[in-house]
Amino acid sequence: LEVRIVRQQCWYGTGDVEDPPALRDDRDVECFRVLFETADGGEPPFTGGGQHLTVDGAIHAVEALVGATLQWND
């Protein structure tokens, strides 16, 4: 299955009114979102795998989760 790392300009907050604003609110900051292709081919075709402040952080997170079967394509 495909894994994508996508650069975006929004760090998503929790949206939970009980959290402090720094956690609750979305922030305008460059970050990298990990997306995993769904195994059943359903909608949406990709699901979220977290956000990271650096592309290296996103890569390391994917490698730690997927392991030795991972093959990167440019």
PDB file of N, CA and C in Angstrom:
ATOM      1  N   LEU A   1       0.832  -1.182   0.000  1.00  0.00           N
ATOM      2  CA  LEU A   1       0.000   0.000   0.000  1.00  0.00           C
ATOM      3  C   LEU A   1       0.874   1.242   0.000  1.00  0.00           C
ATOM      4  N   GLU A   2       0.325   2.317  -0.473  1.00  0.00           N
ATOM      5  CA  GLU A   2       1.074   3.560  -0.634  1.00  0.00           C
ATOM      6  C   GLU A   2       1.059   4.395   0.644  1.00  0.00           C
ATOM      7  N   VAL A   3       2.189   5.029   0.902  1.00  0.00           N
ATOM      8  CA  VAL A   3       2.325   5.995   1.996  1.00  0.00           C
ATOM      9  C   VAL A   3       2.725   7.312   1.362  1.00  0.00           C
ATOM     10  N   ARG A   4       2.075   8.389   1.766  1.00  0.00           N
ATOM     11  CA  ARG A   4       2.425   9.716   1.254  1.00  0.00           C
ATOM     12  C   ARG A   4       2.801  10.626   2.413  1.00  0.00           C
ATOM     13  N   ILE A   5       3.763  11.493   2.142  1.00  0.00           N
ATOM     14  CA  ILE A   5       4.097  12.569   3.078  1.00  0.00           C
ATOM     15  C   ILE A   5       3.806  13.863   2.338  1.00  0.00           C
ATOM     16  N   VAL A   6       2.900  14.650   2.887  1.00  0.00           N
ATOM     17  CA  VAL A   6       2.393  15.837   2.214  1.00  0.00           C
ATOM     18  C   VAL A   6       2.744  17.079   3.034  1.00  0.00           C
ATOM     19  N   ARG A   7       3.351  18.061   2.366  1.00  0.00           N
ATOM     20  CA  ARG A   7       3.635  19.337   3.038  1.00  0.00           C
ATOM     21  C   ARG A   7       2.335  20.136   3.091  1.00  0.00           C
ATOM     22  N   GLN A   8       2.067  20.738   4.238  1.00  0.00           N
ATOM     23  CA  GLN A   8       0.876  21.572   4.373  1.00  0.00           C
ATOM     24  C   GLN A   8       1.191  22.763   5.265  1.00  0.00           C
ATOM     25  N   GLN A   9       0.296  23.714   5.286  1.00  0.00           N
ATOM     26  CA  GLN A   9       0.510  24.956   6.024  1.00  0.00           C
ATOM     27  C   GLN A   9      -0.452  25.073   7.211  1.00  0.00           C
ATOM     28  N   CYS A  10      -0.928  23.946   7.717  1.00  0.00           N
ATOM     29  CA  CYS A  10      -1.841  23.991   8.861  1.00  0.00           C
ATOM     30  C   CYS A  10      -1.563  22.819   9.789  1.00  0.00           C
ATOM     31  N   TRP A  11      -1.204  23.147  11.025  1.00  0.00           N
ATOM     32  CA  TRP A  11      -1.067  22.130  12.063  1.00  0.00           C
ATOM     33  C   TRP A  11      -2.425  22.049  12.743  1.00  0.00           C
ATOM     34  N   TYR A  12      -3.079  20.902  12.629  1.00  0.00           N
ATOM     35  CA  TYR A  12      -4.436  20.756  13.149  1.00  0.00           C
ATOM     36  C   TYR A  12      -4.434  20.639  14.664  1.00  0.00           C
ATOM     37  N   GLY A  13      -5.283  21.434  15.289  1.00  0.00           N
ATOM     38  CA  GLY A  13      -5.473  21.346  16.723  1.00  0.00           C
ATOM     39  C   GLY A  13      -6.464  20.240  17.059  1.00  0.00           C
ATOM     40  N   THR A  14      -6.661  20.022  18.341  1.00  0.00           N
ATOM     41  CA  THR A  14      -7.562  18.953  18.778  1.00  0.00           C
ATOM     42  C   THR A  14      -9.024  19.325  18.597  1.00  0.00           C
ATOM     43  N   GLY A  15      -9.343  20.629  18.668  1.00  0.00           N
ATOM     44  CA  GLY A  15     -10.733  21.070  18.590  1.00  0.00           C
ATOM     45  C   GLY A  15     -11.489  20.872  19.891  1.00  0.00           C
ATOM     46  N   ASP A  16     -10.840  20.332  20.898  1.00  0.00           N
ATOM     47  CA  ASP A  16     -11.475  20.059  22.195  1.00  0.00           C
ATOM     48  C   ASP A  16     -11.498  21.329  23.036  1.00  0.00           C
ATOM     49  N   VAL A  17     -12.687  21.790  23.391  1.00  0.00           N
ATOM     50  CA  VAL A  17     -12.833  23.048  24.132  1.00  0.00           C
ATOM     51  C   VAL A  17     -12.171  22.999  25.511  1.00  0.00           C
ATOM     52  N   GLU A  18     -11.911  21.823  26.027  1.00  0.00           N
ATOM     53  CA  GLU A  18     -11.266  21.696  27.339  1.00  0.00           C
ATOM     54  C   GLU A  18      -9.738  21.786  27.250  1.00  0.00           C
ATOM     55  N   ASP A  19      -9.180  21.706  26.046  1.00  0.00           N
ATOM     56  CA  ASP A  19      -7.732  21.837  25.869  1.00  0.00           C
ATOM     57  C   ASP A  19      -7.336  23.306  25.850  1.00  0.00           C
ATOM     58  N   PRO A  20      -6.102  23.624  26.251  1.00  0.00           N
ATOM     59  CA  PRO A  20      -5.631  25.003  26.136  1.00  0.00           C
ATOM     60  C   PRO A  20      -5.547  25.395  24.658  1.00  0.00           C
ATOM     61  N   PRO A  21      -5.643  26.697  24.358  1.00  0.00           N
ATOM     62  CA  PRO A  21      -5.633  27.152  22.970  1.00  0.00           C
ATOM     63  C   PRO A  21      -4.457  26.634  22.143  1.00  0.00           C
ATOM     64  N   ALA A  22      -3.294  26.483  22.744  1.00  0.00           N
ATOM     65  CA  ALA A  22      -2.116  26.019  22.005  1.00  0.00           C
ATOM     66  C   ALA A  22      -2.311  24.605  21.451  1.00  0.00           C
ATOM     67  N   LEU A  23      -3.114  23.796  22.105  1.00  0.00           N
ATOM     68  CA  LEU A  23      -3.410  22.442  21.622  1.00  0.00           C
ATOM     69  C   LEU A  23      -4.707  22.392  20.826  1.00  0.00           C
ATOM     70  N   ARG A  24      -5.682  23.177  21.228  1.00  0.00           N
ATOM     71  CA  ARG A  24      -7.035  23.135  20.663  1.00  0.00           C
ATOM     72  C   ARG A  24      -7.121  23.722  19.261  1.00  0.00           C
ATOM     73  N   ASP A  25      -6.461  24.860  19.043  1.00  0.00           N
ATOM     74  CA  ASP A  25      -6.645  25.618  17.803  1.00  0.00           C
ATOM     75  C   ASP A  25      -5.675  25.187  16.708  1.00  0.00           C
ATOM     76  N   ASP A  26      -6.146  25.252  15.457  1.00  0.00           N
ATOM     77  CA  ASP A  26      -5.268  25.043  14.307  1.00  0.00           C
ATOM     78  C   ASP A  26      -4.239  26.174  14.274  1.00  0.00           C
ATOM     79  N   ARG A  27      -3.030  25.870  13.781  1.00  0.00           N
ATOM     80  CA  ARG A  27      -1.980  26.879  13.684  1.00  0.00           C
ATOM     81  C   ARG A  27      -1.468  26.965  12.257  1.00  0.00           C
ATOM     82  N   ASP A  28      -1.129  28.157  11.840  1.00  0.00           N
ATOM     83  CA  ASP A  28      -0.567  28.402  10.509  1.00  0.00           C
ATOM     84  C   ASP A  28       0.936  28.178  10.589  1.00  0.00           C
ATOM     85  N   VAL A  29       1.362  26.961  10.293  1.00  0.00           N
ATOM     86  CA  VAL A  29       2.777  26.597  10.355  1.00  0.00           C
ATOM     87  C   VAL A  29       3.032  25.489   9.331  1.00  0.00           C
ATOM     88  N   GLU A  30       4.181  25.549   8.670  1.00  0.00           N
ATOM     89  CA  GLU A  30       4.528  24.484   7.730  1.00  0.00           C
ATOM     90  C   GLU A  30       4.776  23.201   8.507  1.00  0.00           C
ATOM     91  N   CYS A  31       4.163  22.131   8.034  1.00  0.00           N
ATOM     92  CA  CYS A  31       4.354  20.830   8.650  1.00  0.00           C
ATOM     93  C   CYS A  31       4.149  19.748   7.599  1.00  0.00           C
ATOM     94  N   PHE A  32       4.303  18.501   8.005  1.00  0.00           N
ATOM     95  CA  PHE A  32       4.250  17.386   7.076  1.00  0.00           C
ATOM     96  C   PHE A  32       3.295  16.333   7.617  1.00  0.00           C
ATOM     97  N   ARG A  33       2.313  15.992   6.803  1.00  0.00           N
ATOM     98  CA  ARG A  33       1.280  15.049   7.202  1.00  0.00           C
ATOM     99  C   ARG A  33       1.543  13.703   6.540  1.00  0.00           C
ATOM    100  N   VAL A  34       1.429  12.644   7.329  1.00  0.00           N
ATOM    101  CA  VAL A  34       1.593  11.289   6.821  1.00  0.00           C
ATOM    102  C   VAL A  34       0.210  10.744   6.473  1.00  0.00           C
ATOM    103  N   LEU A  35       0.098  10.168   5.274  1.00  0.00           N
ATOM    104  CA  LEU A  35      -1.162   9.565   4.824  1.00  0.00           C
ATOM    105  C   LEU A  35      -0.895   8.133   4.388  1.00  0.00           C
ATOM    106  N   PHE A  36      -1.751   7.214   4.848  1.00  0.00           N
ATOM    107  CA  PHE A  36      -1.647   5.807   4.487  1.00  0.00           C
ATOM    108  C   PHE A  36      -2.822   5.423   3.595  1.00  0.00           C
ATOM    109  N   GLU A  37      -2.529   4.703   2.516  1.00  0.00           N
ATOM    110  CA  GLU A  37      -3.585   4.223   1.636  1.00  0.00           C
ATOM    111  C   GLU A  37      -4.442   3.208   2.395  1.00  0.00           C
ATOM    112  N   THR A  38      -5.756   3.287   2.227  1.00  0.00           N
ATOM    113  CA  THR A  38      -6.641   2.345   2.895  1.00  0.00           C
ATOM    114  C   THR A  38      -6.589   0.988   2.195  1.00  0.00           C
ATOM    115  N   ALA A  39      -6.584  -0.069   2.965  1.00  0.00           N
ATOM    116  CA  ALA A  39      -6.444  -1.418   2.417  1.00  0.00           C
ATOM    117  C   ALA A  39      -7.681  -1.875   1.648  1.00  0.00           C
ATOM    118  N   ASP A  40      -8.846  -1.335   1.998  1.00  0.00           N
ATOM    119  CA  ASP A  40     -10.080  -1.805   1.365  1.00  0.00           C
ATOM    120  C   ASP A  40     -10.456  -1.018   0.114  1.00  0.00           C
ATOM    121  N   GLY A  41      -9.648  -0.017  -0.251  1.00  0.00           N
ATOM    122  CA  GLY A  41      -9.935   0.780  -1.439  1.00  0.00           C
ATOM    123  C   GLY A  41     -11.141   1.680  -1.287  1.00  0.00           C
ATOM    124  N   GLY A  42     -11.569   1.904  -0.062  1.00  0.00           N
ATOM    125  CA  GLY A  42     -12.755   2.712   0.195  1.00  0.00           C
ATOM    126  C   GLY A  42     -12.494   4.200   0.146  1.00  0.00           C
ATOM    127  N   GLU A  43     -13.468   4.940   0.582  1.00  0.00           N
ATOM    128  CA  GLU A  43     -13.377   6.401   0.643  1.00  0.00           C
ATOM    129  C   GLU A  43     -13.287   6.829   2.093  1.00  0.00           C
ATOM    130  N   PRO A  44     -12.401   7.700   2.444  1.00  0.00           N
ATOM    131  CA  PRO A  44     -11.392   8.291   1.566  1.00  0.00           C
ATOM    132  C   PRO A  44     -10.304   7.270   1.249  1.00  0.00           C
ATOM    133  N   PRO A  45      -9.592   7.461   0.147  1.00  0.00           N
ATOM    134  CA  PRO A  45      -8.577   6.488  -0.242  1.00  0.00           C
ATOM    135  C   PRO A  45      -7.333   6.498   0.648  1.00  0.00           C
ATOM    136  N   PHE A  46      -7.138   7.580   1.407  1.00  0.00           N
ATOM    137  CA  PHE A  46      -6.005   7.685   2.328  1.00  0.00           C
ATOM    138  C   PHE A  46      -6.505   8.120   3.696  1.00  0.00           C
ATOM    139  N   THR A  47      -5.865   7.598   4.740  1.00  0.00           N
ATOM    140  CA  THR A  47      -6.204   8.002   6.100  1.00  0.00           C
ATOM    141  C   THR A  47      -4.980   8.618   6.754  1.00  0.00           C
ATOM    142  N   GLY A  48      -5.233   9.453   7.747  1.00  0.00           N
ATOM    143  CA  GLY A  48      -4.159  10.181   8.401  1.00  0.00           C
ATOM    144  C   GLY A  48      -3.289   9.320   9.291  1.00  0.00           C
ATOM    145  N   GLY A  49      -2.008   9.638   9.273  1.00  0.00           N
ATOM    146  CA  GLY A  49      -1.037   8.945  10.104  1.00  0.00           C
ATOM    147  C   GLY A  49      -0.232   9.900  10.955  1.00  0.00           C
ATOM    148  N   GLY A  50      -0.767  11.092  11.174  1.00  0.00           N
ATOM    149  CA  GLY A  50      -0.099  12.046  12.047  1.00  0.00           C
ATOM    150  C   GLY A  50       0.552  13.194  11.308  1.00  0.00           C
ATOM    151  N   GLN A  51       0.960  14.181  12.087  1.00  0.00           N
ATOM    152  CA  GLN A  51       1.632  15.365  11.576  1.00  0.00           C
ATOM    153  C   GLN A  51       2.989  15.490  12.238  1.00  0.00           C
ATOM    154  N   HIS A  52       3.922  16.091  11.506  1.00  0.00           N
ATOM    155  CA  HIS A  52       5.285  16.263  12.003  1.00  0.00           C
ATOM    156  C   HIS A  52       5.790  17.624  11.557  1.00  0.00           C
ATOM    157  N   LEU A  53       6.646  18.224  12.363  1.00  0.00           N
ATOM    158  CA  LEU A  53       7.163  19.551  12.044  1.00  0.00           C
ATOM    159  C   LEU A  53       8.255  19.525  10.988  1.00  0.00           C
ATOM    160  N   THR A  54       8.874  18.355  10.782  1.00  0.00           N
ATOM    161  CA  THR A  54       9.914  18.241   9.759  1.00  0.00           C
ATOM    162  C   THR A  54       9.629  17.032   8.878  1.00  0.00           C
ATOM    163  N   VAL A  55      10.133  17.065   7.654  1.00  0.00           N
ATOM    164  CA  VAL A  55       9.980  15.915   6.764  1.00  0.00           C
ATOM    165  C   VAL A  55      10.775  14.727   7.309  1.00  0.00           C
ATOM    166  N   ASP A  56      11.922  14.996   7.919  1.00  0.00           N
ATOM    167  CA  ASP A  56      12.697  13.906   8.525  1.00  0.00           C
ATOM    168  C   ASP A  56      11.924  13.224   9.648  1.00  0.00           C
ATOM    169  N   GLY A  57      11.216  14.015  10.440  1.00  0.00           N
ATOM    170  CA  GLY A  57      10.386  13.444  11.500  1.00  0.00           C
ATOM    171  C   GLY A  57       9.290  12.555  10.945  1.00  0.00           C
ATOM    172  N   ALA A  58       8.678  12.982   9.840  1.00  0.00           N
ATOM    173  CA  ALA A  58       7.633  12.186   9.200  1.00  0.00           C
ATOM    174  C   ALA A  58       8.219  10.887   8.647  1.00  0.00           C
ATOM    175  N   ILE A  59       9.363  10.983   7.990  1.00  0.00           N
ATOM    176  CA  ILE A  59      10.016   9.791   7.433  1.00  0.00           C
ATOM    177  C   ILE A  59      10.357   8.799   8.532  1.00  0.00           C
ATOM    178  N   HIS A  60      10.950   9.268   9.614  1.00  0.00           N
ATOM    179  CA  HIS A  60      11.333   8.380  10.713  1.00  0.00           C
ATOM    180  C   HIS A  60      10.111   7.721  11.345  1.00  0.00           C
ATOM    181  N   ALA A  61       9.012   8.459  11.474  1.00  0.00           N
ATOM    182  CA  ALA A  61       7.792   7.887  12.042  1.00  0.00           C
ATOM    183  C   ALA A  61       7.239   6.773  11.165  1.00  0.00           C
ATOM    184  N   VAL A  62       7.230   6.998   9.850  1.00  0.00           N
ATOM    185  CA  VAL A  62       6.741   5.971   8.918  1.00  0.00           C
ATOM    186  C   VAL A  62       7.649   4.745   8.975  1.00  0.00           C
ATOM    187  N   GLU A  63       8.953   4.956   8.946  1.00  0.00           N
ATOM    188  CA  GLU A  63       9.891   3.834   8.979  1.00  0.00           C
ATOM    189  C   GLU A  63       9.748   3.022  10.263  1.00  0.00           C
ATOM    190  N   ALA A  64       9.528   3.690  11.382  1.00  0.00           N
ATOM    191  CA  ALA A  64       9.360   2.983  12.652  1.00  0.00           C
ATOM    192  C   ALA A  64       8.062   2.174  12.678  1.00  0.00           C
ATOM    193  N   LEU A  65       7.033   2.688  12.054  1.00  0.00           N
ATOM    194  CA  LEU A  65       5.738   2.014  12.053  1.00  0.00           C
ATOM    195  C   LEU A  65       5.682   0.871  11.045  1.00  0.00           C
ATOM    196  N   VAL A  66       6.180   1.108   9.831  1.00  0.00           N
ATOM    197  CA  VAL A  66       6.052   0.121   8.758  1.00  0.00           C
ATOM    198  C   VAL A  66       7.153  -0.933   8.822  1.00  0.00           C
ATOM    199  N   GLY A  67       8.355  -0.517   9.120  1.00  0.00           N
ATOM    200  CA  GLY A  67       9.447  -1.465   9.256  1.00  0.00           C
ATOM    201  C   GLY A  67      10.141  -1.804   7.944  1.00  0.00           C
ATOM    202  N   ALA A  68      10.707  -3.005   7.904  1.00  0.00           N
ATOM    203  CA  ALA A  68      11.593  -3.410   6.803  1.00  0.00           C
ATOM    204  C   ALA A  68      10.891  -3.573   5.464  1.00  0.00           C
ATOM    205  N   THR A  69       9.590  -3.681   5.439  1.00  0.00           N
ATOM    206  CA  THR A  69       8.881  -3.870   4.159  1.00  0.00           C
ATOM    207  C   THR A  69       8.726  -2.576   3.382  1.00  0.00           C
ATOM    208  N   LEU A  70       9.058  -1.451   3.983  1.00  0.00           N
ATOM    209  CA  LEU A  70       8.886  -0.135   3.351  1.00  0.00           C
ATOM    210  C   LEU A  70       9.882   0.065   2.212  1.00  0.00           C
ATOM    211  N   GLN A  71       9.383   0.551   1.073  1.00  0.00           N
ATOM    212  CA  GLN A  71      10.230   0.936  -0.054  1.00  0.00           C
ATOM    213  C   GLN A  71       9.821   2.341  -0.471  1.00  0.00           C
ATOM    214  N   TRP A  72      10.776   3.289  -0.442  1.00  0.00           N
ATOM    215  CA  TRP A  72      10.499   4.673  -0.801  1.00  0.00           C
ATOM    216  C   TRP A  72      10.637   4.864  -2.303  1.00  0.00           C
ATOM    217  N   ASN A  73       9.716   5.635  -2.883  1.00  0.00           N
ATOM    218  CA  ASN A  73       9.791   6.096  -4.268  1.00  0.00           C
ATOM    219  C   ASN A  73       9.764   7.615  -4.247  1.00  0.00           C
ATOM    220  N   ASP A  74      10.463   8.255  -5.180  1.00  0.00           N
ATOM    221  CA  ASP A  74      10.434   9.725  -5.249  1.00  0.00           C
ATOM    222  C   ASP A  74       9.194  10.189  -5.973  1.00  0.00           C
TER     223      ASP A  74
END
